[in-house]
């Protein structure tokens, strides 16, 4: 006995948006790659300890945060899920448009905030152990 798969009007609606969904995926991938390429920075220097000992030299390297890519993937998946359940073309268009906006806003904001916080952070905080997860930090004592 074979169960027939019923075609619902909703699945027919979303089927008409396959080119837009593919475009959304391509643009999301492009922004993910750009985020990965441009969210790199490094800085280093030496700090004189207050106790008068040897200087503490450091090298810090900013890397892209995997959390940003995870958020982008979640935006894409949630948008697809909501679009598949939408009951009108206006709702599908709105959902895909919001997802397309989020696909460039999320990595752009993450890159700006990441680089800005990296540049303005205090090296003394890093030496004391307050290093963010997406910053590689190495201490050398000369």
Protein backbone atom coordinates (compact mmCIF):
# COMPACT_ATOMS: atom_id res chain seq x y z
CA UNK A 1 0.00 0.00 0.00
CA UNK A 2 1.49 3.30 -1.06
CA UNK A 3 0.66 6.56 0.63
CA UNK A 4 0.03 9.41 -1.75
CA UNK A 5 1.75 12.68 -0.99
CA UNK A 6 -0.75 15.48 -1.15
CA UNK A 7 0.36 18.67 -2.80
CA UNK A 8 -0.71 21.61 -0.72
CA UNK A 9 -1.12 25.14 -1.97
CA UNK A 10 1.71 26.19 0.38
CA UNK A 11 4.25 23.93 -1.30
CA UNK A 12 3.16 25.28 -4.67
CA UNK A 13 3.68 28.84 -3.45
CA UNK A 14 7.21 28.26 -2.20
CA UNK A 15 8.12 26.38 -5.38
CA UNK A 16 7.74 29.58 -7.37
CA UNK A 17 10.42 31.20 -5.19
CA UNK A 18 13.22 28.70 -5.80
CA UNK A 19 15.32 31.22 -7.82
CA UNK A 20 15.00 33.77 -4.99
CA UNK A 21 15.97 31.13 -2.42
CA UNK A 22 19.03 30.13 -4.45
CA UNK A 23 19.96 33.80 -4.78
CA UNK A 24 19.56 34.22 -1.01
CA UNK A 25 21.87 31.25 -0.42
CA UNK A 26 24.49 32.62 -2.84
CA UNK A 27 24.41 36.09 -1.29
CA UNK A 28 24.62 34.59 2.19
CA UNK A 29 27.62 32.53 1.15
CA UNK A 30 29.27 35.61 -0.37
CA UNK A 31 28.77 37.61 2.83
CA UNK A 32 30.06 34.70 4.93
CA UNK A 33 33.22 34.54 2.84
CA UNK A 34 33.70 38.32 2.96
CA UNK A 35 33.23 38.26 6.73
CA UNK A 36 35.87 35.55 7.01
CA UNK A 37 38.29 37.47 4.80
CA UNK A 38 37.97 40.88 6.42
CA UNK A 39 37.67 39.98 10.10
CA UNK A 40 41.37 39.56 10.66
CA UNK A 41 43.62 41.89 12.60
CA UNK A 42 46.73 41.63 14.69
CA UNK A 43 48.54 43.76 17.17
CA UNK A 44 51.39 43.36 19.56
CA UNK A 45 53.57 45.25 21.94
CA UNK A 46 55.26 45.16 25.29
CA UNK A 47 53.98 46.23 28.68
CA UNK A 48 56.13 47.33 31.58
CA UNK A 49 54.89 45.55 34.71
CA UNK A 50 54.08 47.73 37.69
CA UNK A 51 56.34 45.59 39.90
CA UNK A 52 59.36 46.58 37.82
CA UNK A 53 60.17 43.14 36.41
CA UNK A 54 60.89 42.14 32.85
CA UNK A 55 58.58 43.57 30.19
CA UNK A 56 55.66 41.39 29.11
CA UNK A 57 55.40 41.24 25.34
CA UNK A 58 52.28 40.03 23.59
CA UNK A 59 50.90 39.25 20.16
CA UNK A 60 47.14 39.17 19.61
CA UNK A 61 45.36 37.99 16.47
CA UNK A 62 41.67 38.55 15.74
CA UNK A 63 39.92 35.74 13.90
CA UNK A 64 36.34 35.52 12.60
CA UNK A 65 33.83 34.25 15.13
CA UNK A 66 32.14 30.96 14.18
CA UNK A 67 29.07 32.24 16.02
CA UNK A 68 28.48 34.73 13.20
CA UNK A 69 28.39 31.94 10.61
CA UNK A 70 26.05 29.96 12.85
CA UNK A 71 23.67 32.92 13.13
CA UNK A 72 23.71 33.36 9.35
CA UNK A 73 22.89 29.67 8.84
CA UNK A 74 20.07 29.90 11.38
CA UNK A 75 18.64 32.97 9.63
CA UNK A 76 18.65 31.07 6.34
CA UNK A 77 17.05 27.94 7.82
CA UNK A 78 14.38 29.84 9.76
CA UNK A 79 13.54 31.90 6.67
CA UNK A 80 13.14 28.75 4.58
CA UNK A 81 10.97 27.14 7.24
CA UNK A 82 8.74 30.20 7.58
CA UNK A 83 8.52 30.70 3.83
CA UNK A 84 7.49 27.07 3.39
CA UNK A 85 4.64 27.59 5.86
CA UNK A 86 3.56 30.97 4.47
CA UNK A 87 0.11 31.17 2.94
CA UNK A 88 0.55 34.08 0.58
CA UNK A 89 3.12 35.36 -1.87
CA UNK A 90 3.30 38.65 0.04
CA UNK A 91 4.38 36.79 3.20
CA UNK A 92 6.98 34.75 1.31
CA UNK A 93 8.38 37.89 -0.32
CA UNK A 94 8.54 39.67 3.06
CA UNK A 95 10.24 36.69 4.75
CA UNK A 96 12.86 36.30 2.02
CA UNK A 97 13.48 40.06 1.93
CA UNK A 98 14.07 40.18 5.70
CA UNK A 99 16.40 37.19 5.47
CA UNK A 100 18.32 38.83 2.62
CA UNK A 101 18.79 41.95 4.75
CA UNK A 102 19.89 39.91 7.78
CA UNK A 103 22.41 38.01 5.61
CA UNK A 104 24.47 41.17 5.11
CA UNK A 105 23.64 43.03 8.35
CA UNK A 106 24.74 40.19 10.68
CA UNK A 107 28.27 39.70 9.26
CA UNK A 108 28.80 43.43 8.69
CA UNK A 109 27.89 44.30 12.29
CA UNK A 110 29.89 41.35 13.62
CA UNK A 111 32.95 42.47 11.64
CA UNK A 112 32.66 46.10 12.70
CA UNK A 113 32.08 45.26 16.37
CA UNK A 114 34.81 42.61 16.38
CA UNK A 115 37.47 44.83 14.85
CA UNK A 116 36.41 47.86 16.90
CA UNK A 117 36.51 45.94 20.18
CA UNK A 118 39.86 44.40 19.21
CA UNK A 119 41.43 47.76 18.42
CA UNK A 120 40.08 49.50 21.52
CA UNK A 121 40.68 46.66 24.00
CA UNK A 122 43.26 47.07 26.70
CA UNK A 123 46.27 44.73 26.41
CA UNK A 124 46.51 44.71 30.21
CA UNK A 125 43.12 42.97 30.33
CA UNK A 126 44.31 40.34 27.89
CA UNK A 127 47.47 39.70 29.92
CA UNK A 128 45.29 39.16 33.00
CA UNK A 129 43.27 36.50 31.14
CA UNK A 130 40.34 38.43 29.66
CA UNK A 131 40.86 37.26 26.08
CA UNK A 132 37.77 36.82 23.87
CA UNK A 133 37.36 33.40 22.25
CA UNK A 134 38.02 34.69 18.73
CA UNK A 135 41.34 36.32 19.68
CA UNK A 136 44.53 34.31 19.64
CA UNK A 137 46.83 35.66 22.34
CA UNK A 138 50.45 34.82 23.02
CA UNK A 139 52.62 36.19 25.82
CA UNK A 140 56.40 36.22 25.70
CA UNK A 141 58.62 37.46 28.49
CA UNK A 142 61.85 39.02 27.25
